[in-house]
Protein backbone atom coordinates (compact mmCIF):
# COMPACT_ATOMS: atom_id res chain seq x y z
CA MET A 1 21.16 35.88 37.83
CA ARG A 2 20.10 34.66 41.13
CA PHE A 3 16.86 36.21 42.96
CA ASP A 4 17.34 36.32 46.83
CA LYS A 5 13.88 38.85 47.22
CA ILE A 6 11.02 39.62 44.98
CA LEU A 7 8.52 41.75 45.32
CA ILE A 8 4.76 40.81 45.13
CA ALA A 9 2.46 43.59 42.57
CA ASN A 10 -0.68 42.19 43.67
CA ARG A 11 -3.15 40.68 46.16
CA GLY A 12 -5.65 38.09 46.49
CA GLU A 13 -5.59 34.25 45.87
CA ILE A 14 -2.92 35.11 42.94
CA ALA A 15 -0.08 36.95 45.66
CA VAL A 16 -0.63 33.72 47.94
CA ARG A 17 0.15 31.40 44.93
CA LEU A 18 3.24 33.54 43.88
CA ILE A 19 4.55 34.02 47.77
CA ARG A 20 4.28 30.10 48.42
CA ALA A 21 6.07 29.34 45.22
CA CYS A 22 9.16 31.36 46.26
CA GLN A 23 9.07 30.10 49.43
CA GLU A 24 9.61 26.73 48.20
CA LEU A 25 12.36 28.14 46.27
CA GLY A 26 14.14 29.55 49.30
CA ILE A 27 13.36 33.41 47.71
CA GLN A 28 12.10 36.03 50.47
CA THR A 29 9.40 37.60 49.78
CA VAL A 30 7.63 41.49 49.96
CA ALA A 31 4.19 41.44 49.84
CA VAL A 32 2.18 45.28 48.97
CA TYR A 33 -1.07 46.18 50.40
CA SER A 34 -3.89 48.90 50.28
CA GLU A 35 -4.92 50.01 53.55
CA ALA A 36 -8.02 48.27 52.70
CA ASP A 37 -5.64 44.91 52.96
CA ALA A 38 -3.76 45.53 55.88
CA ALA A 39 -5.20 42.69 57.81
CA ALA A 40 -5.27 40.60 54.42
CA LEU A 41 -4.00 37.08 54.05
CA HIS A 42 -1.30 37.93 51.57
CA PRO A 43 0.98 40.47 53.57
CA THR A 44 0.83 37.71 56.50
CA LEU A 45 2.24 35.16 54.35
CA ALA A 46 5.43 37.25 53.27
CA ASP A 47 8.54 37.90 54.59
CA GLU A 48 8.02 41.48 54.70
CA ALA A 49 4.77 43.73 53.83
CA VAL A 50 4.99 47.38 52.85
CA CYS A 51 1.50 49.51 52.60
CA ILE A 52 1.42 51.25 49.41
CA GLY A 53 -1.48 53.43 49.92
CA PRO A 54 -5.05 53.88 50.37
CA ALA A 55 -7.88 51.52 49.15
CA PRO A 56 -8.29 52.58 45.44
CA PRO A 57 -6.37 50.39 43.18
CA GLY A 58 -5.15 54.04 41.66
CA GLU A 59 -3.52 55.11 44.78
CA SER A 60 -1.98 51.70 45.87
CA TYR A 61 -1.81 48.17 43.59
CA LEU A 62 -1.56 50.62 40.19
CA HIS A 63 0.70 53.07 41.57
CA GLN A 64 3.67 52.60 39.64
CA GLN A 65 5.93 54.53 41.28
CA ARG A 66 5.28 53.30 45.05
CA LEU A 67 5.32 49.70 44.03
CA LEU A 68 9.23 50.58 42.32
CA GLU A 69 9.85 52.64 45.66
CA ALA A 70 8.90 49.63 47.88
CA ALA A 71 11.32 47.19 46.18
CA ARG A 72 13.72 49.85 45.84
CA GLN A 73 13.71 49.86 49.55
CA THR A 74 13.30 46.15 50.73
CA GLY A 75 16.11 45.51 48.47
CA CYS A 76 14.30 43.28 46.02
CA GLN A 77 16.20 42.02 42.43
CA ALA A 78 12.75 41.52 41.01
CA ILE A 79 9.02 42.10 41.11
CA HIS A 80 6.08 39.44 39.98
CA PRO A 81 3.33 41.15 38.73
CA GLY A 82 0.74 38.16 39.10
CA TYR A 83 -2.11 38.76 36.47
CA GLY A 84 -5.00 42.02 36.66
CA PHE A 85 -3.33 45.36 37.88
CA LEU A 86 -0.64 46.20 36.13
CA ALA A 87 0.54 42.52 34.82
CA GLU A 88 -0.07 43.62 31.09
CA ASN A 89 1.00 47.02 31.46
CA GLY A 90 4.34 47.62 29.09
CA ASP A 91 4.82 50.95 30.47
CA PHE A 92 5.41 49.39 34.20
CA ALA A 93 7.62 46.64 32.23
CA ALA A 94 9.79 49.02 30.87
CA ALA A 95 10.41 51.28 34.04
CA VAL A 96 11.24 47.96 36.15
CA ALA A 97 13.72 46.90 33.83
CA ALA A 98 14.86 50.91 34.07
CA ALA A 99 14.96 50.91 37.51
CA GLY A 100 17.64 47.91 37.45
CA LEU A 101 14.98 45.30 38.53
CA THR A 102 14.16 41.98 36.68
CA PHE A 103 9.93 41.91 35.30
CA ILE A 104 8.77 38.20 35.57
CA GLY A 105 7.13 38.27 32.32
CA PRO A 106 7.36 39.15 28.83
CA SER A 107 9.34 42.21 27.26
CA PRO A 108 7.53 45.41 27.06
CA GLU A 109 7.77 45.45 23.16
CA ALA A 110 5.66 42.13 23.52
CA ILE A 111 2.77 43.19 26.08
CA ARG A 112 2.35 46.65 24.01
CA LEU A 113 2.19 44.69 20.81
CA MET A 114 -0.26 41.92 21.90
CA GLY A 115 -2.16 44.85 24.45
CA SER A 116 -3.42 46.37 21.21
CA LYS A 117 -6.29 43.65 20.06
CA THR A 118 -5.86 45.77 16.37
CA ALA A 119 -2.00 45.49 16.46
CA ALA A 120 -2.14 42.10 17.59
CA ARG A 121 -4.82 41.16 14.97
CA GLN A 122 -2.38 42.80 12.17
CA ALA A 123 0.44 40.33 13.87
CA MET A 124 -1.30 37.05 13.46
CA GLU A 125 -2.26 37.95 10.05
CA GLU A 126 1.17 38.57 9.14
CA ALA A 127 2.10 34.92 10.64
CA GLY A 128 -0.36 32.92 9.26
CA VAL A 129 -2.66 32.93 12.09
CA PRO A 130 -6.37 32.36 11.47
CA VAL A 131 -7.95 35.24 12.73
CA VAL A 132 -11.87 36.29 13.18
CA PRO A 133 -13.18 38.75 10.36
CA GLY A 134 -13.29 42.44 11.53
CA PHE A 135 -12.26 46.01 10.92
CA HIS A 136 -9.45 47.93 12.19
CA PRO A 137 -10.60 51.41 11.81
CA PRO A 138 -7.82 54.28 11.61
CA ALA A 139 -8.38 56.53 14.31
CA GLU A 140 -10.10 59.20 12.34
CA ALA A 141 -12.70 56.89 11.51
CA GLY A 142 -16.14 57.75 12.59
CA ASP A 143 -19.57 55.82 12.54
CA LYS A 144 -20.15 55.88 9.07
CA GLU A 145 -17.21 53.95 8.47
CA PHE A 146 -18.01 51.42 10.83
CA LEU A 147 -21.82 51.29 9.86
CA THR A 148 -20.15 50.10 5.99
CA ALA A 149 -17.68 47.69 7.58
CA ALA A 150 -20.40 46.19 9.67
CA ALA A 151 -22.65 45.48 7.00
CA ALA A 152 -19.46 44.05 4.92
CA ILE A 153 -18.86 41.79 7.64
CA GLY A 154 -22.45 40.89 8.25
CA TYR A 155 -24.42 41.12 11.64
CA PRO A 156 -24.21 40.23 14.18
CA VAL A 157 -21.29 41.82 15.19
CA LEU A 158 -18.85 42.88 18.42
CA VAL A 159 -17.63 46.30 18.89
CA LYS A 160 -14.61 46.13 21.16
CA ALA A 161 -12.39 47.87 23.11
CA ALA A 162 -8.77 47.84 21.65
CA ALA A 163 -7.30 47.79 24.90
CA GLY A 164 -7.59 46.16 28.01
CA GLY A 165 -10.33 42.93 28.62
CA GLY A 166 -12.56 40.94 30.74
CA GLY A 167 -15.51 41.99 28.73
CA LYS A 168 -15.28 45.95 28.94
CA GLY A 169 -15.65 48.45 26.22
CA MET A 170 -17.84 45.51 24.57
CA ARG A 171 -21.04 45.42 22.95
CA LEU A 172 -23.18 42.63 21.17
CA VAL A 173 -24.93 44.57 17.86
CA GLU A 174 -27.61 42.21 16.30
CA THR A 175 -28.85 45.00 13.82
CA GLU A 176 -27.83 47.85 11.92
CA PRO A 177 -30.13 50.53 13.92
CA GLU A 178 -28.35 49.13 17.16
CA LEU A 179 -24.93 50.25 15.89
CA PRO A 180 -24.24 53.90 16.50
CA GLU A 181 -25.45 53.73 20.17
CA ALA A 182 -23.28 50.63 20.77
CA LEU A 183 -20.39 52.62 19.14
CA GLN A 184 -20.55 55.74 21.61
CA ALA A 185 -21.32 53.04 24.61
CA ALA A 186 -18.22 51.33 23.97
CA ARG A 187 -15.95 54.35 23.83
CA ARG A 188 -16.99 55.87 26.60
CA GLU A 189 -16.68 52.29 28.55
CA ALA A 190 -13.28 51.58 27.10
CA LEU A 191 -12.14 54.75 28.02
CA ASN A 192 -13.46 54.84 31.49
CA ALA A 193 -11.52 51.63 31.80
CA PHE A 194 -8.63 51.88 30.20
CA GLY A 195 -7.69 55.37 29.28
CA ASP A 196 -8.01 54.23 25.89
CA GLY A 197 -11.33 55.02 23.53
CA GLN A 198 -10.29 53.15 20.45
CA ILE A 199 -12.70 50.46 19.48
CA TYR A 200 -12.76 47.74 16.53
CA LEU A 201 -15.00 45.34 15.34
CA GLU A 202 -15.20 41.85 14.75
CA LYS A 203 -17.48 39.44 13.31
CA TYR A 204 -19.88 37.75 16.22
CA LEU A 205 -19.96 33.83 16.14
CA VAL A 206 -22.73 32.13 16.91
CA ARG A 207 -22.12 30.00 19.95
CA PRO A 208 -18.42 29.61 19.69
CA ARG A 209 -16.65 27.61 22.12
CA HIS A 210 -13.31 29.57 23.87
CA ILE A 211 -9.83 27.51 24.17
CA GLU A 212 -6.89 28.60 24.66
CA PHE A 213 -3.28 27.28 24.89
CA GLN A 214 -0.37 27.91 27.38
CA ILE A 215 2.72 28.92 25.91
CA PHE A 216 5.79 29.66 27.07
CA GLY A 217 9.03 30.77 25.84
CA ASP A 218 12.66 30.89 27.47
CA GLN A 219 15.64 33.36 26.63
CA GLN A 220 16.97 31.36 24.07
CA GLY A 221 14.27 31.13 21.57
CA GLN A 222 12.68 28.36 22.63
CA LEU A 223 8.93 28.39 22.32
CA VAL A 224 6.56 25.29 23.35
CA HIS A 225 2.98 25.28 24.14
CA LEU A 226 1.63 23.17 27.40
CA PHE A 227 -1.82 22.27 25.83
CA GLU A 228 -5.29 23.93 25.73
CA ARG A 229 -7.75 24.20 28.09
CA GLU A 230 -11.62 24.79 27.80
CA CYS A 231 -13.07 28.47 28.74
CA SER A 232 -16.50 28.55 27.59
CA ILE A 233 -18.03 28.85 30.80
CA GLN A 234 -18.62 32.40 31.24
CA ARG A 235 -20.76 35.38 33.14
CA ARG A 236 -20.22 38.43 31.79
CA HIS A 237 -17.65 37.42 29.20
CA GLN A 238 -15.52 36.36 32.01
CA LYS A 239 -14.71 32.83 32.42
CA ILE A 240 -15.43 30.93 35.51
CA ILE A 241 -15.08 27.38 34.95
CA GLU A 242 -12.05 25.98 32.97
CA GLU A 243 -11.05 22.21 32.09
CA THR A 244 -8.19 20.13 30.46
CA PRO A 245 -8.23 18.64 28.28
CA SER A 246 -11.25 20.20 25.92
CA PRO A 247 -13.84 17.66 25.67
CA LEU A 248 -14.07 18.81 21.86
CA LEU A 249 -10.66 18.59 20.76
CA ASP A 250 -9.07 15.49 18.83
CA GLU A 251 -5.41 14.85 18.69
CA THR A 252 -5.60 16.46 15.17
CA LEU A 253 -7.19 19.60 15.75
CA ARG A 254 -4.98 19.82 19.05
CA GLN A 255 -1.70 19.81 17.50
CA GLN A 256 -3.24 22.43 14.63
CA MET A 257 -4.17 24.66 17.74
CA GLY A 258 -1.24 24.01 19.24
CA GLN A 259 1.24 24.92 16.06
CA ALA A 260 -1.00 28.08 15.63
CA ALA A 261 -0.27 29.09 19.03
CA VAL A 262 3.31 28.69 19.27
CA ALA A 263 3.58 30.71 15.93
CA ALA A 264 1.93 33.61 17.26
CA ALA A 265 3.90 33.53 20.33
CA GLN A 266 7.16 33.50 17.98
CA ALA A 267 5.72 36.42 15.67
CA VAL A 268 6.20 38.59 18.66
CA ASN A 269 9.56 36.72 20.31
CA TYR A 270 7.89 36.00 23.41
CA VAL A 271 9.26 34.94 26.59
CA ASN A 272 7.74 33.67 29.76
CA ALA A 273 4.52 32.29 30.03
CA GLY A 274 1.31 33.66 28.19
CA THR A 275 -1.99 32.37 26.58
CA VAL A 276 -2.96 32.54 23.10
CA GLU A 277 -6.95 32.39 23.22
CA PHE A 278 -8.98 31.10 20.11
CA LEU A 279 -12.64 30.84 19.33
CA VAL A 280 -13.90 27.34 17.38
CA ASP A 281 -16.76 27.54 15.71
CA GLU A 282 -19.69 24.85 15.04
CA LYS A 283 -17.61 23.15 12.25
CA CYS A 284 -14.48 23.25 14.40
CA ASN A 285 -12.67 26.22 12.44
CA PHE A 286 -10.38 27.99 14.85
CA TYR A 287 -9.70 31.62 14.94
CA PHE A 288 -7.04 33.74 16.95
CA LEU A 289 -8.58 35.99 19.59
CA GLU A 290 -6.27 37.65 21.64
CA MET A 291 -3.43 36.89 23.88
CA ASN A 292 -2.76 37.48 27.06
CA THR A 293 0.44 38.22 28.22
CA ARG A 294 0.92 37.11 31.69
CA LEU A 295 0.27 33.93 33.82
CA GLN A 296 -3.30 33.09 33.78
CA VAL A 297 -6.38 32.95 36.43
CA GLU A 298 -6.58 29.42 35.81
CA HIS A 299 -3.21 28.27 34.89
CA PRO A 300 -3.33 25.38 37.64
CA ILE A 301 -5.37 22.91 35.48
CA THR A 302 -2.61 22.98 33.13
CA GLU A 303 0.13 22.48 36.23
CA LEU A 304 -2.12 19.45 37.60
CA VAL A 305 -2.17 17.82 33.80
CA THR A 306 0.84 18.22 32.98
CA GLY A 307 3.28 18.43 36.46
CA ILE A 308 4.75 21.72 36.20
CA ASP A 309 4.64 24.36 38.09
CA LEU A 310 4.32 27.19 36.14
CA VAL A 311 5.27 29.82 38.76
CA LYS A 312 8.31 28.24 39.41
CA LEU A 313 9.11 27.80 35.51
CA GLN A 314 8.54 31.94 35.15
CA LEU A 315 10.97 32.92 38.05
CA ARG A 316 13.55 30.30 36.48
CA VAL A 317 13.04 31.68 33.21
CA ALA A 318 13.27 34.89 34.15
CA ARG A 319 16.81 34.28 35.87
CA GLY A 320 17.75 33.22 32.45
CA ASP A 321 17.55 29.60 32.76
CA PRO A 322 16.29 27.48 29.57
CA LEU A 323 13.07 25.43 29.73
CA PRO A 324 14.15 22.35 30.91
CA PHE A 325 11.81 20.29 28.20
CA SER A 326 10.94 20.51 24.63
CA GLN A 327 7.77 20.33 22.84
CA VAL A 328 8.30 16.43 22.07
CA GLN A 329 8.79 15.80 25.92
CA LEU A 330 5.37 17.38 26.84
CA SER A 331 2.21 15.26 27.82
CA GLN A 332 -0.70 15.55 29.43
CA ARG A 333 -2.49 12.88 32.29
CA GLY A 334 -5.73 12.53 33.69
CA HIS A 335 -8.77 15.56 33.45
CA ALA A 336 -8.15 18.87 35.64
CA ILE A 337 -11.40 21.36 35.82
CA GLU A 338 -11.31 24.40 37.89
CA CYS A 339 -14.24 26.24 39.63
CA ARG A 340 -13.60 30.00 40.38
CA ILE A 341 -15.47 30.77 43.86
CA TYR A 342 -16.64 34.59 43.57
CA ALA A 343 -17.93 37.04 46.08
CA GLU A 344 -20.75 37.51 44.28
CA ASP A 345 -24.53 36.71 43.70
CA PRO A 346 -25.77 34.84 40.66
CA ALA A 347 -29.38 35.21 41.53
CA ASN A 348 -28.74 38.68 41.25
CA GLY A 349 -27.17 39.70 38.09
CA PHE A 350 -23.79 38.28 39.58
CA LEU A 351 -23.42 41.71 41.46
CA PRO A 352 -20.42 41.32 43.71
CA ALA A 353 -20.87 40.66 47.03
CA THR A 354 -19.28 41.95 50.41
CA GLY A 355 -18.78 41.22 54.31
CA PRO A 356 -16.80 39.00 56.29
CA VAL A 357 -15.91 35.53 55.92
CA LEU A 358 -17.61 34.41 59.23
CA ARG A 359 -16.40 30.58 58.87
CA LEU A 360 -14.32 28.74 56.17
CA ALA A 361 -13.48 25.13 55.42
CA GLU A 362 -12.01 24.11 52.30
CA PRO A 363 -12.37 20.59 50.81
CA VAL A 364 -9.61 18.25 51.32
CA GLY A 365 -8.94 15.10 49.57
CA PRO A 366 -6.62 13.32 46.93
CA GLY A 367 -6.54 15.44 43.63
CA ILE A 368 -8.52 18.68 45.31
CA ARG A 369 -6.51 21.38 45.27
CA VAL A 370 -7.72 25.25 46.63
CA ASP A 371 -5.76 28.22 45.50
CA SER A 372 -7.10 31.12 48.03
CA GLY A 373 -6.50 34.68 49.42
CA ILE A 374 -8.74 34.46 52.18
CA ALA A 375 -9.25 32.85 56.00
CA ALA A 376 -11.57 33.01 58.13
CA GLY A 377 -12.04 36.52 59.90
CA SER A 378 -11.27 38.37 56.19
CA GLU A 379 -13.15 41.31 54.70
CA ILE A 380 -14.38 41.18 51.81
CA THR A 381 -14.31 44.98 50.68
CA PRO A 382 -15.94 46.58 47.55
CA TYR A 383 -12.80 47.30 46.08
CA TYR A 384 -11.44 44.74 44.23
CA ASP A 385 -12.09 42.10 42.20
CA PRO A 386 -14.33 39.58 43.87
CA LEU A 387 -12.50 36.74 42.87
CA LEU A 388 -11.91 34.79 46.63
CA ALA A 389 -10.55 31.48 45.48
CA LYS A 390 -10.05 28.57 42.99
CA LEU A 391 -11.11 24.97 43.62
CA ILE A 392 -9.39 22.74 41.19
CA VAL A 393 -9.34 18.88 40.67
CA LEU A 394 -7.82 16.05 39.24
CA ALA A 395 -8.91 12.65 38.17
CA GLU A 396 -8.13 10.38 35.93
CA ASP A 397 -10.76 10.80 33.00
CA ARG A 398 -13.67 13.54 32.86
CA GLN A 399 -16.33 11.95 34.34
CA ASN A 400 -14.45 11.28 37.79
CA ALA A 401 -13.19 14.74 37.14
CA LEU A 402 -16.78 15.91 37.48
CA GLN A 403 -17.93 13.61 40.46
CA LYS A 404 -14.45 14.71 42.15
CA MET A 405 -15.69 18.72 41.37
CA ASN A 406 -19.31 18.11 42.32
CA TRP A 407 -18.41 16.77 45.85
CA ALA A 408 -15.94 19.24 46.61
CA LEU A 409 -18.35 22.12 45.68
CA ALA A 410 -20.94 20.43 47.95
CA HIS A 411 -18.12 20.55 51.01
CA TYR A 412 -16.85 23.96 50.61
CA ILE A 413 -18.36 25.74 53.31
CA LEU A 414 -17.84 29.76 53.00
CA LEU A 415 -20.40 32.01 55.27
CA GLY A 416 -20.66 35.36 56.39
CA VAL A 417 -20.71 36.23 52.61
CA THR A 418 -22.22 35.36 49.57
CA THR A 419 -20.86 33.59 46.86
CA ASN A 420 -21.76 31.73 43.89
CA ILE A 421 -20.45 28.13 45.02
CA PRO A 422 -24.35 26.89 44.73
CA PHE A 423 -24.55 28.25 40.69
CA LEU A 424 -21.46 26.33 40.23
CA GLN A 425 -22.81 23.33 41.31
CA ALA A 426 -25.77 23.67 39.46
CA VAL A 427 -23.40 24.11 36.43
CA ILE A 428 -21.35 21.18 36.67
CA ASN A 429 -24.64 19.06 36.96
CA HIS A 430 -26.39 20.35 34.02
CA GLU A 431 -26.76 17.77 31.07
CA THR A 432 -25.13 19.87 28.49
CA PHE A 433 -21.93 20.29 30.79
CA GLN A 434 -22.03 16.73 31.35
CA ARG A 435 -21.94 16.14 28.15
CA GLY A 436 -19.44 18.57 27.29
CA GLU A 437 -21.07 20.50 24.60
CA THR A 438 -20.82 23.66 26.16
CA THR A 439 -20.41 26.89 24.30
CA THR A 440 -19.89 30.58 25.33
CA ASN A 441 -23.37 31.37 25.41
CA PHE A 442 -24.04 28.72 27.70
CA VAL A 443 -24.81 30.65 31.12
CA ASP A 444 -26.97 32.91 29.17
CA GLN A 445 -28.79 30.15 27.92
CA HIS A 446 -30.07 27.93 30.45
CA PHE A 447 -29.00 29.78 33.58
CA ALA A 448 -31.01 33.00 32.62
CA GLY A 449 -33.05 33.95 36.29
CA TRP A 450 -31.57 30.92 37.91
CA GLN A 451 -32.22 31.09 41.65
CA PRO A 452 -30.87 28.63 44.55
CA PRO A 453 -32.67 25.39 45.09
CA LEU A 454 -35.69 26.59 47.88
CA SER A 455 -34.08 23.03 49.82
CA SER A 456 -31.33 25.27 51.14
CA PRO A 457 -31.43 26.35 54.43
CA PRO A 458 -31.14 30.32 54.28
CA ASP A 459 -27.33 31.88 54.91
CA GLU A 460 -28.52 32.94 58.42
CA VAL A 461 -28.79 29.75 59.67
CA PHE A 462 -25.12 28.63 58.81
CA ILE A 463 -24.09 32.09 59.93
CA ALA A 464 -25.95 31.43 63.13
CA ALA A 465 -24.02 28.15 63.63
CA ALA A 466 -20.82 29.76 62.95
CA LEU A 467 -21.11 32.53 65.08
CA ALA A 468 -22.22 29.73 67.78
CA GLU A 469 -18.78 28.32 67.11
CA LEU A 470 -16.70 31.43 67.13
CA LEU A 471 -18.43 32.30 70.58
CA GLU A 472 -17.50 28.86 72.07
CA GLU A 473 -13.81 28.93 70.92
CA THR A 474 -13.45 32.32 73.10
CA PRO A 475 -11.89 32.02 75.98
CA ASP A 476 -14.13 34.35 77.72
CA GLY A 477 -17.27 33.50 75.95
CA PRO A 478 -20.17 31.86 76.71
CA GLY A 479 -18.88 28.01 75.81
CA GLN A 480 -17.63 25.43 78.36
CA PRO A 481 -14.98 25.72 80.38
CA ASP A 482 -12.89 23.79 79.20
CA GLY A 483 -13.92 25.19 75.63
CA GLY A 484 -16.36 21.71 74.83
CA VAL A 485 -18.78 22.31 72.23
CA GLY A 486 -22.50 23.20 73.50
CA GLY A 487 -21.86 26.10 75.64
CA GLY A 488 -22.37 23.71 78.78
CA ASP A 489 -26.07 22.71 77.63
CA PRO A 490 -26.47 18.85 77.39
CA TYR A 491 -29.42 19.02 75.50
CA SER A 492 -28.11 21.23 72.57
CA PRO A 493 -27.90 19.81 69.44
CA TRP A 494 -24.60 21.45 68.90
CA GLY A 495 -23.06 19.59 72.02
CA GLN A 496 -24.15 16.18 70.60
CA LEU A 497 -21.53 14.05 68.46
CA LYS A 498 -24.49 11.99 66.77
CA GLY A 499 -24.55 13.03 63.17
CA PHE A 500 -26.41 16.36 63.80
CA ARG A 501 -26.09 18.57 60.71
CA VAL A 502 -27.88 22.15 59.83
CA GLY A 503 -30.06 21.12 56.60
CA GLY A 504 -29.32 17.08 57.01
CA GLU A 505 -31.20 14.33 58.59
CA THR A 506 -30.26 13.78 62.33
CA THR A 507 -29.11 10.30 62.68
CA THR A 508 -28.02 8.45 65.82
CA ASN A 509 -24.87 6.27 66.09
């Protein structure tokens, strides 16, 4: 089957990533956008763009019928869901197929099975994949059954939503008296977030590491893994920094976990891109956590160390092509790190931030990649996930990758909206991270109450500089007649090419 035109059922940086991969393959793309995203980057890059409704996701990006109608009206043969929104919705995957279109991802059956954490755990147990001890209650189970199970498992325990992810519907319970309230709160949050209030218990592993394996299957039945990604740096149960190879794994453990990941995928006859996630305890015992039936946010680091474009591979597998390699032909080269750039305030509980992007200058250099969904002038709204971009570096080893990431973060200019860039730089330079000894509680342990360095100039200084430059670039603005820097003032520091920079030293050439 050949794809001439694909609908991208997403927004932001992943929509841009998918559009560019399609462009390289000569495939036309149709972007969808909400009214709030009318001026966003992704609809401007696609060959066609269709407005699918107001800003709320339920009236636009989550509205299945509007997405299907947009695909039909524009003559698409396939839909790529990206990640988030409907990417792991088995009903949507089935509706796409029923409409005569190709869903670029796994089967609806695999999505549904792995989307239920309780059903997924049962499938993994049957496949011989180690799982964290837990309690899968029947639908009618009450608090009494949960209390009995928690006592048998041993505190601390996690109360978790059976559906969804991203930390929603999750509560850590240290002692028995805390459990009833945690159960009720988790049920409410899960019902609001996923429309499913079912919950279950899982043993809480103290100071684990979060390591996932990229898996890929074709329609001919071949399944491989493309090695691991270390994802232990998290805030609010969401990843913010990933790297590969993991500093923890030796070759023996890597092979064992890779084989378990492939076995997990085989248990559900998995096709296309997916990720099997594990927790690893202090004794290097590993346990199945969940399976994400989609492309991951952190897929670029795998691409850099393997040399394989995972999005293009998704498209080829979806049209029926076999995987062009076997497991023994795959290898890693170098070390890659990804930092997620969020519009959020780490000094204020990681609250999302909104506002216009007044100035944007991304770092450029050998081994530096930026997957971005914004441009100067973009408006960051409160309606969607605050992920703006991903900064990815590749170097010959981990130490050089850390140095490169530190440099790239220091040279990432994004003004007008608060971001987590200073926080990411602080994490990268922390001695525990430098040693590769981080666990999932690293942020809570080392960065509670974190504040940006006092030596940093306030954002207002940078914003003023950005506005000054924008005014200079305006034809009718107060700049020099020839558009030069400095607005015609020979004494303005902005008109002096002598090494002047905000927050730095003044030097003469």
